[in-house]
Each structure stands twice: as C-alpha cells, then as structure tokens.
Amino acid sequence: MLKVMPGSLETRAEVLLFQCHYLEQPVQCGILDVALRDLLDFHHVKSTQDQAFVVILHEIERLVNAKFSANRFEENGWVVIWPADLLRYGYQERAKPAA
C-alpha cells in the first residue's frame, strides 16, 4: 500500500506534488489543484492550513492506490489524480466538518 511520505509535499501553481514508496522504490505522485479543491469541498474542509490536508490525506492515498493498482500512470511514470479520477474511483464517506 502506498503512503504519502512525510516531508515530500511540494506546492506548484496547479498541482500538489508528493512522493510515496512501493517496495522501497519511490513513486512520484500529484493531485491537481482542481481535484484537491473538490475533495476539500466534498469533505467540508474550511481551513486552508496544513490540517486541511491531514483531513483528506487518507482519501488521497486511497485514490493513489486505486490508480497504482490499475496501472494508470502518466507517460512520465507519475501517478496523478485528475478531477475525472474522483468520479472514476468515487468519494469516500464524507468526513465530519473540519476547522
């Protein structure tokens, strides 16, 4: 199971990049800002601080694992969550409202 590696988060203009590991090998991952905002809205996350990411971290890991298991990699080998992936793999149960 892929887990987001602590300290690997990097914010870019339209994507949040992070790294996971699979069998000791790094897996480069990302989530487009549009998909991230959709997740935050779905889970009623109002905070823009780091705790907002923690609220949906499990959901992001679930989506990355679903794409990884389905061998749905980008041409460069990355696993990137697009807005369409939220529909393809579904949303997890809505979390209680966060800060």
N, C-alpha and C. Protein backbone atom coordinates (compact mmCIF):
# COMPACT_ATOMS: atom_id res chain seq x y z
N MET A 1 0.84 -1.18 0.00
CA MET A 1 0.00 0.00 0.00
C MET A 1 0.89 1.25 0.00
N LEU A 2 0.56 2.17 -0.87
CA LEU A 2 1.31 3.42 -0.97
C LEU A 2 0.88 4.38 0.12
N LYS A 3 1.83 5.03 0.74
CA LYS A 3 1.58 6.05 1.75
C LYS A 3 2.37 7.30 1.36
N VAL A 4 1.77 8.46 1.58
CA VAL A 4 2.46 9.72 1.32
C VAL A 4 3.62 9.85 2.30
N MET A 5 4.80 10.12 1.78
CA MET A 5 5.98 10.25 2.61
C MET A 5 6.01 11.63 3.26
N PRO A 6 6.15 11.68 4.58
CA PRO A 6 6.22 12.96 5.27
C PRO A 6 7.36 13.81 4.72
N GLY A 7 7.12 15.08 4.59
CA GLY A 7 8.14 16.00 4.11
C GLY A 7 8.31 16.03 2.61
N SER A 8 7.49 15.26 1.88
CA SER A 8 7.66 15.22 0.42
C SER A 8 6.70 16.15 -0.32
N LEU A 9 5.89 16.89 0.40
CA LEU A 9 4.92 17.77 -0.24
C LEU A 9 5.60 18.98 -0.88
N GLU A 10 5.18 19.25 -2.10
CA GLU A 10 5.71 20.41 -2.81
C GLU A 10 4.55 21.05 -3.59
N THR A 11 4.30 22.30 -3.31
CA THR A 11 3.21 23.00 -3.98
C THR A 11 3.71 23.68 -5.23
N ARG A 12 3.01 23.46 -6.33
CA ARG A 12 3.28 24.13 -7.59
C ARG A 12 2.04 24.92 -7.97
N ALA A 13 2.09 25.65 -9.08
CA ALA A 13 0.99 26.52 -9.48
C ALA A 13 -0.35 25.79 -9.56
N GLU A 14 -0.39 24.64 -10.17
CA GLU A 14 -1.67 23.96 -10.38
C GLU A 14 -1.69 22.52 -9.88
N VAL A 15 -0.71 22.15 -9.06
CA VAL A 15 -0.64 20.77 -8.59
C VAL A 15 0.09 20.70 -7.26
N LEU A 16 -0.32 19.73 -6.45
CA LEU A 16 0.39 19.42 -5.21
C LEU A 16 1.16 18.13 -5.49
N LEU A 17 2.47 18.19 -5.39
CA LEU A 17 3.33 17.03 -5.66
C LEU A 17 3.70 16.37 -4.34
N PHE A 18 3.86 15.05 -4.38
CA PHE A 18 4.30 14.31 -3.20
C PHE A 18 4.90 12.99 -3.65
N GLN A 19 5.52 12.31 -2.72
CA GLN A 19 6.19 11.05 -3.04
C GLN A 19 5.65 9.95 -2.14
N CYS A 20 5.48 8.78 -2.72
CA CYS A 20 5.12 7.58 -1.98
C CYS A 20 6.21 6.55 -2.23
N HIS A 21 6.16 5.44 -1.51
CA HIS A 21 7.10 4.35 -1.75
C HIS A 21 6.35 3.05 -1.96
N TYR A 22 6.87 2.24 -2.88
CA TYR A 22 6.33 0.91 -3.14
C TYR A 22 7.52 -0.04 -3.22
N LEU A 23 7.59 -0.98 -2.30
CA LEU A 23 8.71 -1.93 -2.25
C LEU A 23 10.06 -1.21 -2.30
N GLU A 24 10.21 -0.23 -1.45
CA GLU A 24 11.46 0.53 -1.32
C GLU A 24 11.77 1.43 -2.52
N GLN A 25 10.88 1.48 -3.50
CA GLN A 25 11.08 2.33 -4.67
C GLN A 25 10.20 3.56 -4.58
N PRO A 26 10.74 4.74 -4.87
CA PRO A 26 9.91 5.95 -4.82
C PRO A 26 8.90 5.98 -5.98
N VAL A 27 7.73 6.49 -5.68
CA VAL A 27 6.69 6.69 -6.68
C VAL A 27 6.31 8.16 -6.63
N GLN A 28 6.52 8.86 -7.72
CA GLN A 28 6.20 10.29 -7.79
C GLN A 28 4.69 10.44 -8.02
N CYS A 29 4.07 11.30 -7.23
CA CYS A 29 2.62 11.46 -7.30
C CYS A 29 2.24 12.93 -7.26
N GLY A 30 1.00 13.19 -7.61
CA GLY A 30 0.48 14.54 -7.55
C GLY A 30 -1.03 14.54 -7.61
N ILE A 31 -1.60 15.64 -7.22
CA ILE A 31 -3.04 15.85 -7.33
C ILE A 31 -3.24 17.26 -7.86
N LEU A 32 -4.02 17.38 -8.93
CA LEU A 32 -4.28 18.71 -9.49
C LEU A 32 -5.06 19.54 -8.49
N ASP A 33 -4.82 20.85 -8.49
CA ASP A 33 -5.48 21.73 -7.53
C ASP A 33 -6.99 21.66 -7.66
N VAL A 34 -7.52 21.47 -8.85
CA VAL A 34 -8.97 21.38 -9.04
C VAL A 34 -9.52 20.15 -8.31
N ALA A 35 -8.84 19.02 -8.44
CA ALA A 35 -9.27 17.80 -7.76
C ALA A 35 -9.12 17.95 -6.25
N LEU A 36 -8.05 18.60 -5.81
CA LEU A 36 -7.84 18.82 -4.38
C LEU A 36 -8.94 19.70 -3.81
N ARG A 37 -9.29 20.76 -4.52
CA ARG A 37 -10.39 21.63 -4.05
C ARG A 37 -11.72 20.88 -4.01
N ASP A 38 -11.95 20.02 -5.00
CA ASP A 38 -13.18 19.21 -4.99
C ASP A 38 -13.23 18.30 -3.76
N LEU A 39 -12.11 17.67 -3.42
CA LEU A 39 -12.06 16.83 -2.22
C LEU A 39 -12.31 17.65 -0.96
N LEU A 40 -11.67 18.82 -0.88
CA LEU A 40 -11.85 19.68 0.28
C LEU A 40 -13.31 20.11 0.40
N ASP A 41 -13.92 20.47 -0.71
CA ASP A 41 -15.33 20.87 -0.69
C ASP A 41 -16.23 19.70 -0.29
N PHE A 42 -15.98 18.53 -0.86
CA PHE A 42 -16.79 17.36 -0.55
C PHE A 42 -16.75 17.03 0.93
N HIS A 43 -15.58 17.16 1.53
CA HIS A 43 -15.41 16.85 2.95
C HIS A 43 -15.66 18.05 3.86
N HIS A 44 -16.15 19.13 3.28
CA HIS A 44 -16.49 20.35 4.04
C HIS A 44 -15.31 20.89 4.83
N VAL A 45 -14.14 20.85 4.27
CA VAL A 45 -12.94 21.39 4.92
C VAL A 45 -12.89 22.88 4.64
N LYS A 46 -12.95 23.67 5.68
CA LYS A 46 -12.96 25.12 5.53
C LYS A 46 -11.58 25.74 5.75
N SER A 47 -10.71 25.03 6.43
CA SER A 47 -9.40 25.55 6.78
C SER A 47 -8.47 25.51 5.58
N THR A 48 -7.59 26.49 5.48
CA THR A 48 -6.58 26.47 4.43
C THR A 48 -5.20 26.15 5.02
N GLN A 49 -5.17 25.77 6.28
CA GLN A 49 -3.91 25.43 6.93
C GLN A 49 -3.56 23.98 6.66
N ASP A 50 -2.41 23.56 7.17
CA ASP A 50 -1.93 22.20 6.96
C ASP A 50 -2.92 21.14 7.42
N GLN A 51 -3.71 21.44 8.43
CA GLN A 51 -4.64 20.45 8.95
C GLN A 51 -5.68 20.06 7.90
N ALA A 52 -5.94 20.92 6.94
CA ALA A 52 -6.88 20.59 5.87
C ALA A 52 -6.37 19.40 5.08
N PHE A 53 -5.09 19.35 4.81
CA PHE A 53 -4.52 18.23 4.06
C PHE A 53 -4.62 16.95 4.87
N VAL A 54 -4.40 17.04 6.17
CA VAL A 54 -4.46 15.85 7.02
C VAL A 54 -5.86 15.24 6.98
N VAL A 55 -6.88 16.09 6.91
CA VAL A 55 -8.27 15.61 6.89
C VAL A 55 -8.51 14.72 5.68
N ILE A 56 -7.92 15.05 4.54
CA ILE A 56 -8.19 14.27 3.33
C ILE A 56 -7.00 13.42 2.89
N LEU A 57 -5.97 13.34 3.69
CA LEU A 57 -4.79 12.55 3.34
C LEU A 57 -5.16 11.10 3.05
N HIS A 58 -5.99 10.52 3.88
CA HIS A 58 -6.40 9.13 3.68
C HIS A 58 -7.12 8.97 2.34
N GLU A 59 -7.94 9.93 1.99
CA GLU A 59 -8.66 9.89 0.72
C GLU A 59 -7.69 9.98 -0.47
N ILE A 60 -6.71 10.84 -0.37
CA ILE A 60 -5.71 10.96 -1.43
C ILE A 60 -4.92 9.66 -1.58
N GLU A 61 -4.53 9.07 -0.46
CA GLU A 61 -3.80 7.80 -0.50
C GLU A 61 -4.67 6.70 -1.12
N ARG A 62 -5.95 6.69 -0.82
CA ARG A 62 -6.86 5.70 -1.40
C ARG A 62 -6.91 5.85 -2.92
N LEU A 63 -7.00 7.10 -3.39
CA LEU A 63 -7.06 7.35 -4.83
C LEU A 63 -5.74 6.98 -5.52
N VAL A 64 -4.62 7.32 -4.90
CA VAL A 64 -3.31 6.98 -5.47
C VAL A 64 -3.17 5.46 -5.56
N ASN A 65 -3.59 4.75 -4.52
CA ASN A 65 -3.50 3.30 -4.53
C ASN A 65 -4.41 2.68 -5.59
N ALA A 66 -5.59 3.25 -5.79
CA ALA A 66 -6.50 2.74 -6.82
C ALA A 66 -5.89 2.91 -8.21
N LYS A 67 -5.32 4.08 -8.48
CA LYS A 67 -4.69 4.31 -9.78
C LYS A 67 -3.46 3.43 -9.96
N PHE A 68 -2.66 3.31 -8.91
CA PHE A 68 -1.45 2.49 -8.97
C PHE A 68 -1.82 1.03 -9.25
N SER A 69 -2.82 0.51 -8.55
CA SER A 69 -3.25 -0.88 -8.73
C SER A 69 -3.81 -1.12 -10.13
N ALA A 70 -4.41 -0.10 -10.70
CA ALA A 70 -4.98 -0.20 -12.05
C ALA A 70 -3.94 0.10 -13.13
N ASN A 71 -2.70 0.34 -12.72
CA ASN A 71 -1.62 0.69 -13.65
C ASN A 71 -1.96 1.91 -14.50
N ARG A 72 -2.57 2.90 -13.89
CA ARG A 72 -2.95 4.12 -14.60
C ARG A 72 -1.90 5.20 -14.30
N PHE A 73 -0.77 5.09 -14.98
CA PHE A 73 0.34 6.01 -14.80
C PHE A 73 0.34 7.05 -15.92
N GLU A 74 0.91 8.20 -15.64
CA GLU A 74 1.12 9.20 -16.67
C GLU A 74 2.28 8.73 -17.56
N GLU A 75 2.48 9.38 -18.68
CA GLU A 75 3.55 8.99 -19.59
C GLU A 75 4.93 9.03 -18.93
N ASN A 76 5.10 9.93 -17.96
CA ASN A 76 6.39 10.05 -17.27
C ASN A 76 6.52 9.10 -16.08
N GLY A 77 5.51 8.22 -15.87
CA GLY A 77 5.57 7.25 -14.79
C GLY A 77 4.94 7.72 -13.49
N TRP A 78 4.49 8.95 -13.44
CA TRP A 78 3.88 9.50 -12.23
C TRP A 78 2.46 8.98 -12.07
N VAL A 79 1.96 9.03 -10.83
CA VAL A 79 0.55 8.78 -10.53
C VAL A 79 -0.04 10.14 -10.17
N VAL A 80 -0.92 10.64 -11.03
CA VAL A 80 -1.51 11.97 -10.83
C VAL A 80 -3.03 11.81 -10.72
N ILE A 81 -3.59 12.44 -9.71
CA ILE A 81 -5.04 12.42 -9.52
C ILE A 81 -5.64 13.61 -10.25
N TRP A 82 -6.48 13.30 -11.23
CA TRP A 82 -7.19 14.30 -12.01
C TRP A 82 -8.62 14.38 -11.50
N PRO A 83 -9.35 15.45 -11.83
CA PRO A 83 -10.75 15.54 -11.41
C PRO A 83 -11.58 14.32 -11.85
N ALA A 84 -11.32 13.80 -13.03
CA ALA A 84 -12.07 12.63 -13.51
C ALA A 84 -11.85 11.40 -12.62
N ASP A 85 -10.69 11.34 -11.97
CA ASP A 85 -10.41 10.21 -11.08
C ASP A 85 -11.33 10.21 -9.87
N LEU A 86 -11.79 11.37 -9.46
CA LEU A 86 -12.73 11.43 -8.34
C LEU A 86 -14.04 10.75 -8.71
N LEU A 87 -14.44 10.86 -9.96
CA LEU A 87 -15.64 10.17 -10.43
C LEU A 87 -15.35 8.69 -10.69
N ARG A 88 -14.20 8.40 -11.28
CA ARG A 88 -13.83 7.03 -11.62
C ARG A 88 -13.73 6.15 -10.38
N TYR A 89 -13.09 6.65 -9.34
CA TYR A 89 -12.84 5.85 -8.14
C TYR A 89 -13.78 6.20 -6.98
N GLY A 90 -14.61 7.22 -7.16
CA GLY A 90 -15.59 7.58 -6.15
C GLY A 90 -15.00 8.34 -4.98
N TYR A 91 -15.88 8.89 -4.21
CA TYR A 91 -15.52 9.58 -2.98
C TYR A 91 -15.72 8.63 -1.82
N GLN A 92 -14.90 8.78 -0.81
CA GLN A 92 -15.06 8.01 0.40
C GLN A 92 -16.13 8.70 1.24
N GLU A 93 -16.59 8.06 2.27
CA GLU A 93 -17.61 8.66 3.13
C GLU A 93 -17.17 10.04 3.57
N ARG A 94 -18.11 10.95 3.54
CA ARG A 94 -17.84 12.34 3.89
C ARG A 94 -17.41 12.43 5.35
N ALA A 95 -16.33 13.16 5.57
CA ALA A 95 -15.82 13.37 6.93
C ALA A 95 -16.68 14.42 7.63
N LYS A 96 -16.60 14.42 8.94
CA LYS A 96 -17.27 15.47 9.70
C LYS A 96 -16.61 16.79 9.37
N PRO A 97 -17.35 17.90 9.41
CA PRO A 97 -16.75 19.20 9.10
C PRO A 97 -15.48 19.45 9.90
N ALA A 98 -14.48 19.94 9.22
CA ALA A 98 -13.20 20.26 9.86
C ALA A 98 -13.12 21.75 10.11
N ALA A 99 -12.07 22.14 10.79
CA ALA A 99 -11.87 23.54 11.17
C ALA A 99 -12.06 24.50 10.04
